[in-house]
Amino acid sequence: MEQLEISSASKVRWSLREVILMALIGIAFGVIYFIMDPIYTALDAVLVPLGLHQYTIAITIGPWMMAAPLSSYLLRRMGAGLIGELLGATGEALLGGYWGVATLISGFIQGIGSELGFTLTGYKNWKTGLILSTLTGTIVTFVWSLFHDGYLQFGISMLIGLFIVRWISIAFFAGLLVYWIVNLLEKSKLLKK
């Protein structure tokens, strides 16, 4: 009985290696997210005169959602996605990102959306979880945008267009690119599987 408790507890605890890796993901994505701020603004400057401001969000959300699925898929631990996304958002805010502390709210919403995909597999099938996280991340952030970004005022064709563009962005950056990154790290023997 005591042996069972010890092995069960060891699965709950994070190793020092995992904590360091999570911190590195948070730092790296804090910088990436901060760099995305002026990219977002430049794209918005092009799209606003065309009346397509909301597409700026849909096009650029993918890179802002990478820390969560990378953390989950790399560390294969419950909660890693939410923590990774919050660390990245915190890094962006601390670097002086455009949206300040509000970035943490976005990080929380994006982290929950991504984490949900892995939750649906019971944290057992990580590849399927990664695929599902692109869909759940899209749905959760889209629902948030319905209220926060005023999407409720748009017609159905605009909403469908925004959803599809958002899903493509998230699927590429937070799905395919994350898969490639982890695959490269595993092939390079920098990570133990």
N, C-alpha and C. Protein backbone atom coordinates (compact mmCIF):
# COMPACT_ATOMS: atom_id res chain seq x y z
N MET A 1 0.83 -1.19 0.00
CA MET A 1 0.00 0.00 0.00
C MET A 1 0.87 1.25 0.00
N GLU A 2 1.89 1.28 0.85
CA GLU A 2 2.78 2.43 0.93
C GLU A 2 3.51 2.64 -0.40
N GLN A 3 3.93 1.55 -1.04
CA GLN A 3 4.62 1.63 -2.33
C GLN A 3 3.72 2.28 -3.38
N LEU A 4 2.44 1.95 -3.38
CA LEU A 4 1.49 2.52 -4.33
C LEU A 4 1.38 4.02 -4.13
N GLU A 5 1.33 4.47 -2.90
CA GLU A 5 1.24 5.90 -2.62
C GLU A 5 2.49 6.64 -3.09
N ILE A 6 3.64 6.05 -2.90
CA ILE A 6 4.89 6.68 -3.31
C ILE A 6 4.94 6.82 -4.83
N SER A 7 4.61 5.74 -5.55
CA SER A 7 4.67 5.82 -7.01
C SER A 7 3.59 6.76 -7.54
N SER A 8 2.44 6.81 -6.88
CA SER A 8 1.38 7.72 -7.31
C SER A 8 1.81 9.17 -7.10
N ALA A 9 2.47 9.44 -5.97
CA ALA A 9 2.93 10.79 -5.68
C ALA A 9 4.02 11.23 -6.65
N SER A 10 4.87 10.29 -7.05
CA SER A 10 5.96 10.67 -7.96
C SER A 10 5.42 11.08 -9.33
N LYS A 11 4.25 10.56 -9.70
CA LYS A 11 3.64 10.96 -10.97
C LYS A 11 3.08 12.38 -10.89
N VAL A 12 2.74 12.82 -9.69
CA VAL A 12 2.18 14.14 -9.49
C VAL A 12 3.29 15.20 -9.48
N ARG A 13 4.39 14.87 -8.88
CA ARG A 13 5.50 15.81 -8.76
C ARG A 13 6.20 16.02 -10.09
N TRP A 14 6.64 17.24 -10.29
CA TRP A 14 7.39 17.58 -11.50
C TRP A 14 8.88 17.44 -11.19
N SER A 15 9.62 16.92 -12.13
CA SER A 15 11.06 16.82 -11.95
C SER A 15 11.68 18.20 -12.18
N LEU A 16 12.89 18.37 -11.71
CA LEU A 16 13.61 19.62 -11.92
C LEU A 16 13.77 19.89 -13.42
N ARG A 17 14.05 18.84 -14.17
CA ARG A 17 14.19 18.97 -15.62
C ARG A 17 12.91 19.53 -16.26
N GLU A 18 11.76 19.02 -15.81
CA GLU A 18 10.48 19.48 -16.35
C GLU A 18 10.20 20.94 -15.97
N VAL A 19 10.53 21.30 -14.75
CA VAL A 19 10.33 22.69 -14.30
C VAL A 19 11.22 23.64 -15.11
N ILE A 20 12.46 23.25 -15.33
CA ILE A 20 13.39 24.08 -16.10
C ILE A 20 12.90 24.20 -17.55
N LEU A 21 12.47 23.09 -18.13
CA LEU A 21 11.96 23.10 -19.50
C LEU A 21 10.73 24.00 -19.61
N MET A 22 9.83 23.93 -18.63
CA MET A 22 8.65 24.78 -18.62
C MET A 22 9.04 26.26 -18.52
N ALA A 23 10.01 26.56 -17.68
CA ALA A 23 10.49 27.94 -17.55
C ALA A 23 11.09 28.43 -18.87
N LEU A 24 11.86 27.58 -19.52
CA LEU A 24 12.46 27.96 -20.80
C LEU A 24 11.39 28.21 -21.87
N ILE A 25 10.36 27.38 -21.89
CA ILE A 25 9.25 27.59 -22.82
C ILE A 25 8.58 28.93 -22.54
N GLY A 26 8.33 29.21 -21.27
CA GLY A 26 7.72 30.48 -20.89
C GLY A 26 8.55 31.67 -21.30
N ILE A 27 9.84 31.61 -21.06
CA ILE A 27 10.73 32.72 -21.43
C ILE A 27 10.78 32.89 -22.95
N ALA A 28 10.98 31.79 -23.66
CA ALA A 28 11.07 31.87 -25.13
C ALA A 28 9.79 32.43 -25.72
N PHE A 29 8.64 31.95 -25.26
CA PHE A 29 7.39 32.43 -25.83
C PHE A 29 7.00 33.82 -25.34
N GLY A 30 7.47 34.20 -24.17
CA GLY A 30 7.29 35.59 -23.75
C GLY A 30 7.94 36.53 -24.76
N VAL A 31 9.14 36.18 -25.20
CA VAL A 31 9.85 36.99 -26.21
C VAL A 31 9.14 36.91 -27.56
N ILE A 32 8.74 35.70 -27.98
CA ILE A 32 8.04 35.55 -29.26
C ILE A 32 6.74 36.33 -29.25
N TYR A 33 5.98 36.24 -28.16
CA TYR A 33 4.71 36.96 -28.08
C TYR A 33 4.94 38.47 -28.13
N PHE A 34 6.00 38.92 -27.45
CA PHE A 34 6.33 40.35 -27.47
C PHE A 34 6.68 40.81 -28.89
N ILE A 35 7.41 39.96 -29.62
CA ILE A 35 7.76 40.29 -31.01
C ILE A 35 6.52 40.30 -31.90
N MET A 36 5.51 39.50 -31.55
CA MET A 36 4.28 39.47 -32.33
C MET A 36 3.48 40.77 -32.23
N ASP A 37 3.67 41.54 -31.15
CA ASP A 37 2.90 42.78 -30.98
C ASP A 37 3.06 43.73 -32.17
N PRO A 38 4.29 44.09 -32.57
CA PRO A 38 4.42 44.98 -33.73
C PRO A 38 4.01 44.32 -35.05
N ILE A 39 4.13 43.01 -35.16
CA ILE A 39 3.67 42.32 -36.37
C ILE A 39 2.16 42.44 -36.47
N TYR A 40 1.49 42.26 -35.34
CA TYR A 40 0.03 42.43 -35.28
C TYR A 40 -0.35 43.86 -35.71
N THR A 41 0.34 44.84 -35.16
CA THR A 41 0.04 46.24 -35.45
C THR A 41 0.27 46.56 -36.93
N ALA A 42 1.34 46.04 -37.51
CA ALA A 42 1.62 46.29 -38.93
C ALA A 42 0.55 45.66 -39.81
N LEU A 43 0.16 44.45 -39.52
CA LEU A 43 -0.90 43.79 -40.29
C LEU A 43 -2.22 44.53 -40.12
N ASP A 44 -2.49 44.96 -38.91
CA ASP A 44 -3.72 45.70 -38.63
C ASP A 44 -3.77 47.01 -39.42
N ALA A 45 -2.61 47.66 -39.56
CA ALA A 45 -2.56 48.91 -40.33
C ALA A 45 -2.95 48.69 -41.79
N VAL A 46 -2.71 47.50 -42.30
CA VAL A 46 -3.09 47.16 -43.67
C VAL A 46 -4.57 46.78 -43.75
N LEU A 47 -5.05 46.03 -42.77
CA LEU A 47 -6.41 45.49 -42.83
C LEU A 47 -7.50 46.45 -42.35
N VAL A 48 -7.18 47.36 -41.42
CA VAL A 48 -8.19 48.30 -40.91
C VAL A 48 -8.80 49.15 -42.02
N PRO A 49 -8.02 49.76 -42.91
CA PRO A 49 -8.64 50.57 -43.97
C PRO A 49 -9.56 49.76 -44.88
N LEU A 50 -9.36 48.44 -44.91
CA LEU A 50 -10.21 47.57 -45.73
C LEU A 50 -11.43 47.08 -44.96
N GLY A 51 -11.55 47.52 -43.70
CA GLY A 51 -12.66 47.09 -42.86
C GLY A 51 -12.51 45.66 -42.35
N LEU A 52 -11.28 45.18 -42.29
CA LEU A 52 -11.04 43.79 -41.92
C LEU A 52 -10.21 43.65 -40.63
N HIS A 53 -10.39 44.59 -39.71
CA HIS A 53 -9.61 44.56 -38.46
C HIS A 53 -9.69 43.21 -37.76
N GLN A 54 -10.89 42.62 -37.67
CA GLN A 54 -11.05 41.37 -36.93
C GLN A 54 -10.24 40.22 -37.54
N TYR A 55 -9.93 40.34 -38.83
CA TYR A 55 -9.10 39.29 -39.45
C TYR A 55 -7.66 39.36 -38.97
N THR A 56 -7.24 40.51 -38.46
CA THR A 56 -5.89 40.61 -37.89
C THR A 56 -5.77 39.64 -36.72
N ILE A 57 -6.77 39.63 -35.87
CA ILE A 57 -6.77 38.72 -34.72
C ILE A 57 -6.76 37.28 -35.21
N ALA A 58 -7.63 36.97 -36.17
CA ALA A 58 -7.76 35.59 -36.67
C ALA A 58 -6.46 35.10 -37.31
N ILE A 59 -5.79 35.96 -38.05
CA ILE A 59 -4.56 35.58 -38.76
C ILE A 59 -3.40 35.37 -37.79
N THR A 60 -3.31 36.22 -36.78
CA THR A 60 -2.12 36.20 -35.91
C THR A 60 -2.27 35.39 -34.63
N ILE A 61 -3.44 34.85 -34.35
CA ILE A 61 -3.62 34.16 -33.07
C ILE A 61 -2.80 32.87 -32.96
N GLY A 62 -2.52 32.23 -34.07
CA GLY A 62 -1.77 30.97 -34.05
C GLY A 62 -0.45 31.05 -33.30
N PRO A 63 0.43 32.00 -33.65
CA PRO A 63 1.69 32.10 -32.90
C PRO A 63 1.48 32.38 -31.41
N TRP A 64 0.43 33.14 -31.07
CA TRP A 64 0.17 33.45 -29.67
C TRP A 64 -0.37 32.25 -28.90
N MET A 65 -0.68 31.17 -29.59
CA MET A 65 -1.22 29.98 -28.92
C MET A 65 -0.23 28.82 -28.89
N MET A 66 1.01 29.05 -29.23
CA MET A 66 1.96 27.95 -29.34
C MET A 66 2.49 27.41 -28.02
N ALA A 67 2.62 28.23 -27.01
CA ALA A 67 3.23 27.78 -25.75
C ALA A 67 2.41 26.67 -25.09
N ALA A 68 1.09 26.78 -25.15
CA ALA A 68 0.24 25.78 -24.47
C ALA A 68 0.39 24.39 -25.09
N PRO A 69 0.15 24.23 -26.40
CA PRO A 69 0.28 22.88 -26.93
C PRO A 69 1.72 22.36 -26.91
N LEU A 70 2.69 23.25 -27.06
CA LEU A 70 4.08 22.81 -27.00
C LEU A 70 4.39 22.26 -25.60
N SER A 71 3.94 22.97 -24.58
CA SER A 71 4.17 22.52 -23.21
C SER A 71 3.49 21.18 -22.95
N SER A 72 2.24 21.06 -23.38
CA SER A 72 1.50 19.81 -23.17
C SER A 72 2.13 18.66 -23.93
N TYR A 73 2.40 18.88 -25.20
CA TYR A 73 2.89 17.81 -26.07
C TYR A 73 4.32 17.40 -25.72
N LEU A 74 5.10 18.36 -25.26
CA LEU A 74 6.48 18.09 -24.92
C LEU A 74 6.61 17.42 -23.54
N LEU A 75 5.92 17.97 -22.55
CA LEU A 75 6.04 17.47 -21.18
C LEU A 75 5.07 16.33 -20.86
N ARG A 76 4.00 16.25 -21.62
CA ARG A 76 2.99 15.19 -21.44
C ARG A 76 2.52 15.10 -20.00
N ARG A 77 2.06 16.26 -19.54
CA ARG A 77 1.56 16.37 -18.16
C ARG A 77 0.28 17.20 -18.15
N MET A 78 -0.66 16.78 -17.31
CA MET A 78 -1.88 17.54 -17.13
C MET A 78 -1.55 18.94 -16.59
N GLY A 79 -2.13 19.96 -17.19
CA GLY A 79 -1.94 21.32 -16.72
C GLY A 79 -0.75 22.04 -17.34
N ALA A 80 0.12 21.30 -18.02
CA ALA A 80 1.33 21.92 -18.60
C ALA A 80 0.97 22.99 -19.63
N GLY A 81 -0.08 22.75 -20.40
CA GLY A 81 -0.47 23.72 -21.43
C GLY A 81 -0.91 25.04 -20.83
N LEU A 82 -1.75 24.97 -19.83
CA LEU A 82 -2.22 26.20 -19.18
C LEU A 82 -1.07 26.95 -18.54
N ILE A 83 -0.21 26.23 -17.84
CA ILE A 83 0.95 26.86 -17.19
C ILE A 83 1.88 27.48 -18.24
N GLY A 84 2.17 26.73 -19.31
CA GLY A 84 3.06 27.24 -20.36
C GLY A 84 2.52 28.50 -21.00
N GLU A 85 1.22 28.51 -21.29
CA GLU A 85 0.62 29.69 -21.93
C GLU A 85 0.62 30.89 -20.98
N LEU A 86 0.33 30.64 -19.70
CA LEU A 86 0.36 31.73 -18.73
C LEU A 86 1.77 32.28 -18.52
N LEU A 87 2.77 31.41 -18.54
CA LEU A 87 4.16 31.88 -18.43
C LEU A 87 4.55 32.72 -19.64
N GLY A 88 4.16 32.28 -20.84
CA GLY A 88 4.43 33.07 -22.04
C GLY A 88 3.74 34.43 -21.99
N ALA A 89 2.48 34.44 -21.58
CA ALA A 89 1.73 35.71 -21.47
C ALA A 89 2.36 36.62 -20.42
N THR A 90 2.80 36.03 -19.31
CA THR A 90 3.45 36.82 -18.26
C THR A 90 4.75 37.43 -18.78
N GLY A 91 5.52 36.64 -19.52
CA GLY A 91 6.74 37.16 -20.12
C GLY A 91 6.47 38.32 -21.06
N GLU A 92 5.45 38.18 -21.91
CA GLU A 92 5.08 39.26 -22.83
C GLU A 92 4.70 40.52 -22.05
N ALA A 93 3.89 40.37 -21.01
CA ALA A 93 3.47 41.52 -20.21
C ALA A 93 4.67 42.19 -19.53
N LEU A 94 5.56 41.36 -18.97
CA LEU A 94 6.73 41.92 -18.28
C LEU A 94 7.70 42.63 -19.22
N LEU A 95 7.72 42.19 -20.48
CA LEU A 95 8.58 42.86 -21.47
C LEU A 95 7.97 44.16 -21.96
N GLY A 96 6.74 44.43 -21.57
CA GLY A 96 6.09 45.68 -21.97
C GLY A 96 5.18 45.51 -23.17
N GLY A 97 4.60 44.34 -23.33
CA GLY A 97 3.68 44.09 -24.44
C GLY A 97 2.55 45.11 -24.49
N TYR A 98 2.00 45.29 -25.66
CA TYR A 98 0.98 46.31 -25.91
C TYR A 98 -0.23 46.23 -25.00
N TRP A 99 -0.62 45.03 -24.62
CA TRP A 99 -1.87 44.86 -23.88
C TRP A 99 -1.68 44.75 -22.38
N GLY A 100 -0.45 44.90 -21.91
CA GLY A 100 -0.17 44.92 -20.48
C GLY A 100 -0.66 43.68 -19.75
N VAL A 101 -1.24 43.90 -18.58
CA VAL A 101 -1.69 42.81 -17.73
C VAL A 101 -2.87 42.07 -18.35
N ALA A 102 -3.62 42.71 -19.24
CA ALA A 102 -4.74 42.04 -19.93
C ALA A 102 -4.24 40.83 -20.72
N THR A 103 -2.96 40.81 -21.03
CA THR A 103 -2.35 39.67 -21.72
C THR A 103 -2.54 38.39 -20.91
N LEU A 104 -2.55 38.52 -19.59
CA LEU A 104 -2.72 37.34 -18.74
C LEU A 104 -4.11 36.72 -18.91
N ILE A 105 -5.12 37.55 -19.13
CA ILE A 105 -6.47 37.03 -19.37
C ILE A 105 -6.48 36.25 -20.69
N SER A 106 -5.88 36.83 -21.72
CA SER A 106 -5.79 36.13 -23.00
C SER A 106 -5.01 34.84 -22.86
N GLY A 107 -3.92 34.88 -22.12
CA GLY A 107 -3.12 33.67 -21.89
C GLY A 107 -3.92 32.59 -21.19
N PHE A 108 -4.74 32.99 -20.23
CA PHE A 108 -5.58 32.03 -19.51
C PHE A 108 -6.61 31.41 -20.45
N ILE A 109 -7.30 32.23 -21.24
CA ILE A 109 -8.32 31.75 -22.18
C ILE A 109 -7.67 30.81 -23.21
N GLN A 110 -6.54 31.22 -23.77
CA GLN A 110 -5.85 30.41 -24.77
C GLN A 110 -5.32 29.11 -24.16
N GLY A 111 -4.80 29.18 -22.95
CA GLY A 111 -4.29 27.99 -22.28
C GLY A 111 -5.39 26.99 -21.98
N ILE A 112 -6.53 27.48 -21.51
CA ILE A 112 -7.68 26.60 -21.24
C ILE A 112 -8.15 25.96 -22.54
N GLY A 113 -8.25 26.77 -23.61
CA GLY A 113 -8.71 26.25 -24.90
C GLY A 113 -7.82 25.14 -25.41
N SER A 114 -6.53 25.32 -25.31
CA SER A 114 -5.59 24.31 -25.77
C SER A 114 -5.60 23.08 -24.86
N GLU A 115 -5.59 23.31 -23.56
CA GLU A 115 -5.55 22.22 -22.58
C GLU A 115 -6.77 21.30 -22.75
N LEU A 116 -7.89 21.87 -23.12
CA LEU A 116 -9.12 21.10 -23.28
C LEU A 116 -8.96 19.98 -24.31
N GLY A 117 -8.22 20.23 -25.37
CA GLY A 117 -7.99 19.20 -26.39
C GLY A 117 -7.29 17.97 -25.84
N PHE A 118 -6.32 18.20 -24.96
CA PHE A 118 -5.60 17.08 -24.34
C PHE A 118 -6.48 16.41 -23.28
N THR A 119 -7.32 17.19 -22.62
CA THR A 119 -8.24 16.66 -21.62
C THR A 119 -9.21 15.67 -22.26
N LEU A 120 -9.67 15.98 -23.47
CA LEU A 120 -10.64 15.11 -24.14
C LEU A 120 -10.09 13.71 -24.41
N THR A 121 -8.78 13.56 -24.45
CA THR A 121 -8.18 12.23 -24.63
C THR A 121 -7.83 11.59 -23.29
N GLY A 122 -8.15 12.26 -22.21
CA GLY A 122 -7.79 11.74 -20.89
C GLY A 122 -6.29 11.79 -20.65
N TYR A 123 -5.61 12.67 -21.38
CA TYR A 123 -4.15 12.80 -21.30
C TYR A 123 -3.46 11.47 -21.58
N LYS A 124 -3.99 10.74 -22.56
CA LYS A 124 -3.40 9.45 -22.91
C LYS A 124 -2.87 9.42 -24.34
N ASN A 125 -3.58 10.01 -25.27
CA ASN A 125 -3.14 10.01 -26.67
C ASN A 125 -2.71 11.44 -27.02
N TRP A 126 -1.43 11.69 -26.92
CA TRP A 126 -0.92 13.05 -27.02
C TRP A 126 -1.00 13.60 -28.44
N LYS A 127 -0.82 12.76 -29.44
CA LYS A 127 -0.91 13.23 -30.82
C LYS A 127 -2.35 13.65 -31.14
N THR A 128 -3.31 12.82 -30.74
CA THR A 128 -4.71 13.18 -30.94
C THR A 128 -5.06 14.41 -30.11
N GLY A 129 -4.51 14.50 -28.91
CA GLY A 129 -4.72 15.68 -28.06
C GLY A 129 -4.23 16.95 -28.73
N LEU A 130 -3.08 16.85 -29.39
CA LEU A 130 -2.54 18.01 -30.10
C LEU A 130 -3.49 18.45 -31.22
N ILE A 131 -3.99 17.49 -31.97
CA ILE A 131 -4.94 17.80 -33.05
C ILE A 131 -6.21 18.42 -32.46
N LEU A 132 -6.75 17.79 -31.42
CA LEU A 132 -7.96 18.31 -30.80
C LEU A 132 -7.74 19.69 -30.18
N SER A 133 -6.54 19.94 -29.68
CA SER A 133 -6.27 21.24 -29.05
C SER A 133 -6.36 22.38 -30.05
N THR A 134 -6.11 22.10 -31.33
CA THR A 134 -6.25 23.17 -32.32
C THR A 134 -7.74 23.52 -32.49
N LEU A 135 -8.59 22.51 -32.42
CA LEU A 135 -10.03 22.76 -32.54
C LEU A 135 -10.59 23.39 -31.26
N THR A 136 -10.25 22.82 -30.10
CA THR A 136 -10.78 23.38 -28.85
C THR A 136 -10.22 24.78 -28.60
N GLY A 137 -8.96 24.99 -28.95
CA GLY A 137 -8.39 26.33 -28.82
C GLY A 137 -9.10 27.32 -29.71
N THR A 138 -9.44 26.90 -30.91
CA THR A 138 -10.17 27.77 -31.84
C THR A 138 -11.55 28.08 -31.29
N ILE A 139 -12.25 27.07 -30.83
CA ILE A 139 -13.61 27.28 -30.33
C ILE A 139 -13.62 28.18 -29.09
N VAL A 140 -12.78 27.88 -28.12
CA VAL A 140 -12.77 28.66 -26.87
C VAL A 140 -12.38 30.11 -27.14
N THR A 141 -11.34 30.34 -27.92
CA THR A 141 -10.94 31.73 -28.19
C THR A 141 -11.95 32.44 -29.08
N PHE A 142 -12.63 31.71 -29.96
CA PHE A 142 -13.65 32.32 -30.80
C PHE A 142 -14.85 32.75 -29.96
N VAL A 143 -15.27 31.90 -29.03
CA VAL A 143 -16.37 32.27 -28.13
C VAL A 143 -15.98 33.50 -27.31
N TRP A 144 -14.75 33.53 -26.85
CA TRP A 144 -14.24 34.71 -26.11
C TRP A 144 -14.33 35.95 -27.01
N SER A 145 -13.93 35.82 -28.27
CA SER A 145 -13.97 36.96 -29.19
C SER A 145 -15.39 37.40 -29.52
N LEU A 146 -16.35 36.48 -29.45
CA LEU A 146 -17.75 36.88 -29.67
C LEU A 146 -18.13 38.01 -28.73
N PHE A 147 -17.68 37.93 -27.51
CA PHE A 147 -18.04 38.93 -26.50
C PHE A 147 -16.97 40.01 -26.35
N HIS A 148 -15.73 39.59 -26.21
CA HIS A 148 -14.64 40.54 -25.95
C HIS A 148 -14.31 41.42 -27.15
N ASP A 149 -14.33 40.84 -28.34
CA ASP A 149 -13.92 41.58 -29.54
C ASP A 149 -15.11 42.02 -30.40
N GLY A 150 -16.31 41.84 -29.89
CA GLY A 150 -17.49 42.34 -30.59
C GLY A 150 -17.94 41.54 -31.80
N TYR A 151 -17.58 40.27 -31.85
CA TYR A 151 -17.97 39.44 -33.00
C TYR A 151 -19.48 39.27 -33.12
N LEU A 152 -20.22 39.46 -32.04
CA LEU A 152 -21.67 39.27 -32.08
C LEU A 152 -22.35 40.21 -33.07
N GLN A 153 -21.71 41.29 -33.41
CA GLN A 153 -22.31 42.26 -34.34
C GLN A 153 -22.19 41.84 -35.80
N PHE A 154 -21.40 40.80 -36.09
CA PHE A 154 -21.17 40.39 -37.47
C PHE A 154 -22.20 39.39 -37.96
N GLY A 155 -22.37 39.37 -39.29
CA GLY A 155 -23.25 38.40 -39.92
C GLY A 155 -22.61 37.03 -39.95
N ILE A 156 -23.42 36.05 -40.31
CA ILE A 156 -22.97 34.66 -40.27
C ILE A 156 -21.80 34.38 -41.22
N SER A 157 -21.80 34.99 -42.40
CA SER A 157 -20.70 34.73 -43.34
C SER A 157 -19.38 35.28 -42.81
N MET A 158 -19.42 36.45 -42.15
CA MET A 158 -18.21 37.02 -41.55
C MET A 158 -17.74 36.12 -40.40
N LEU A 159 -18.67 35.64 -39.59
CA LEU A 159 -18.30 34.77 -38.47
C LEU A 159 -17.67 33.47 -38.96
N ILE A 160 -18.23 32.90 -40.00
CA ILE A 160 -17.67 31.66 -40.56
C ILE A 160 -16.26 31.92 -41.10
N GLY A 161 -16.09 33.03 -41.80
CA GLY A 161 -14.77 33.39 -42.32
C GLY A 161 -13.76 33.59 -41.21
N LEU A 162 -14.15 34.30 -40.15
CA LEU A 162 -13.25 34.53 -39.02
C LEU A 162 -12.88 33.23 -38.32
N PHE A 163 -13.86 32.33 -38.18
CA PHE A 163 -13.60 31.05 -37.53
C PHE A 163 -12.62 30.22 -38.35
N ILE A 164 -12.85 30.15 -39.65
CA ILE A 164 -11.99 29.33 -40.52
C ILE A 164 -10.57 29.87 -40.54
N VAL A 165 -10.41 31.18 -40.66
CA VAL A 165 -9.06 31.78 -40.69
C VAL A 165 -8.37 31.55 -39.35
N ARG A 166 -9.10 31.71 -38.26
CA ARG A 166 -8.54 31.47 -36.93
C ARG A 166 -8.08 30.02 -36.80
N TRP A 167 -8.92 29.08 -37.23
CA TRP A 167 -8.57 27.66 -37.11
C TRP A 167 -7.35 27.32 -37.97
N ILE A 168 -7.25 27.90 -39.16
CA ILE A 168 -6.08 27.66 -40.01
C ILE A 168 -4.82 28.18 -39.32
N SER A 169 -4.89 29.37 -38.74
CA SER A 169 -3.74 29.95 -38.05
C SER A 169 -3.32 29.08 -36.87
N ILE A 170 -4.29 28.69 -36.06
CA ILE A 170 -3.99 27.86 -34.89
C ILE A 170 -3.51 26.47 -35.31
N ALA A 171 -4.16 25.89 -36.32
CA ALA A 171 -3.77 24.55 -36.78
C ALA A 171 -2.34 24.55 -37.29
N PHE A 172 -1.94 25.62 -38.01
CA PHE A 172 -0.58 25.65 -38.54
C PHE A 172 0.44 25.88 -37.43
N PHE A 173 0.26 26.97 -36.67
CA PHE A 173 1.28 27.34 -35.67
C PHE A 173 1.22 26.47 -34.41
N ALA A 174 0.03 26.31 -33.83
CA ALA A 174 -0.11 25.61 -32.56
C ALA A 174 -0.34 24.11 -32.74
N GLY A 175 -0.44 23.66 -33.98
CA GLY A 175 -0.60 22.24 -34.26
C GLY A 175 0.59 21.70 -35.02
N LEU A 176 0.64 22.00 -36.31
CA LEU A 176 1.67 21.46 -37.18
C LEU A 176 3.08 21.91 -36.77
N LEU A 177 3.26 23.19 -36.53
CA LEU A 177 4.59 23.69 -36.16
C LEU A 177 5.05 23.12 -34.82
N VAL A 178 4.13 23.03 -33.87
CA VAL A 178 4.47 22.42 -32.57
C VAL A 178 4.88 20.96 -32.77
N TYR A 179 4.13 20.23 -33.59
CA TYR A 179 4.47 18.83 -33.87
C TYR A 179 5.87 18.73 -34.47
N TRP A 180 6.19 19.58 -35.42
CA TRP A 180 7.52 19.57 -36.04
C TRP A 180 8.61 19.88 -35.03
N ILE A 181 8.37 20.87 -34.18
CA ILE A 181 9.37 21.26 -33.18
C ILE A 181 9.68 20.09 -32.25
N VAL A 182 8.64 19.46 -31.71
CA VAL A 182 8.84 18.33 -30.79
C VAL A 182 9.52 17.17 -31.53
N ASN A 183 9.10 16.92 -32.75
CA ASN A 183 9.70 15.85 -33.55
C ASN A 183 11.19 16.11 -33.77
N LEU A 184 11.55 17.33 -34.10
CA LEU A 184 12.97 17.69 -34.29
C LEU A 184 13.76 17.54 -32.99
N LEU A 185 13.17 17.96 -31.88
CA LEU A 185 13.86 17.83 -30.60
C LEU A 185 14.08 16.37 -30.24
N GLU A 186 13.09 15.54 -30.51
CA GLU A 186 13.24 14.11 -30.22
C GLU A 186 14.28 13.46 -31.13
N LYS A 187 14.28 13.81 -32.40
CA LYS A 187 15.28 13.26 -33.34
C LYS A 187 16.69 13.72 -33.02
N SER A 188 16.82 14.92 -32.49
CA SER A 188 18.13 15.45 -32.17
C SER A 188 18.68 14.85 -30.85
N LYS A 189 17.87 14.03 -30.20
CA LYS A 189 18.25 13.37 -28.95
C LYS A 189 18.39 14.35 -27.79
N LEU A 190 17.88 15.58 -27.97
CA LEU A 190 17.89 16.54 -26.87
C LEU A 190 16.82 16.20 -25.86
N LEU A 191 15.84 15.45 -26.28
CA LEU A 191 14.75 15.05 -25.38
C LEU A 191 14.67 13.54 -25.29
N LYS A 192 14.35 13.07 -24.11
CA LYS A 192 14.06 11.65 -23.94
C LYS A 192 12.57 11.48 -24.18
N LYS A 193 12.21 10.47 -24.90
CA LYS A 193 10.80 10.23 -25.19
C LYS A 193 10.09 9.62 -24.01
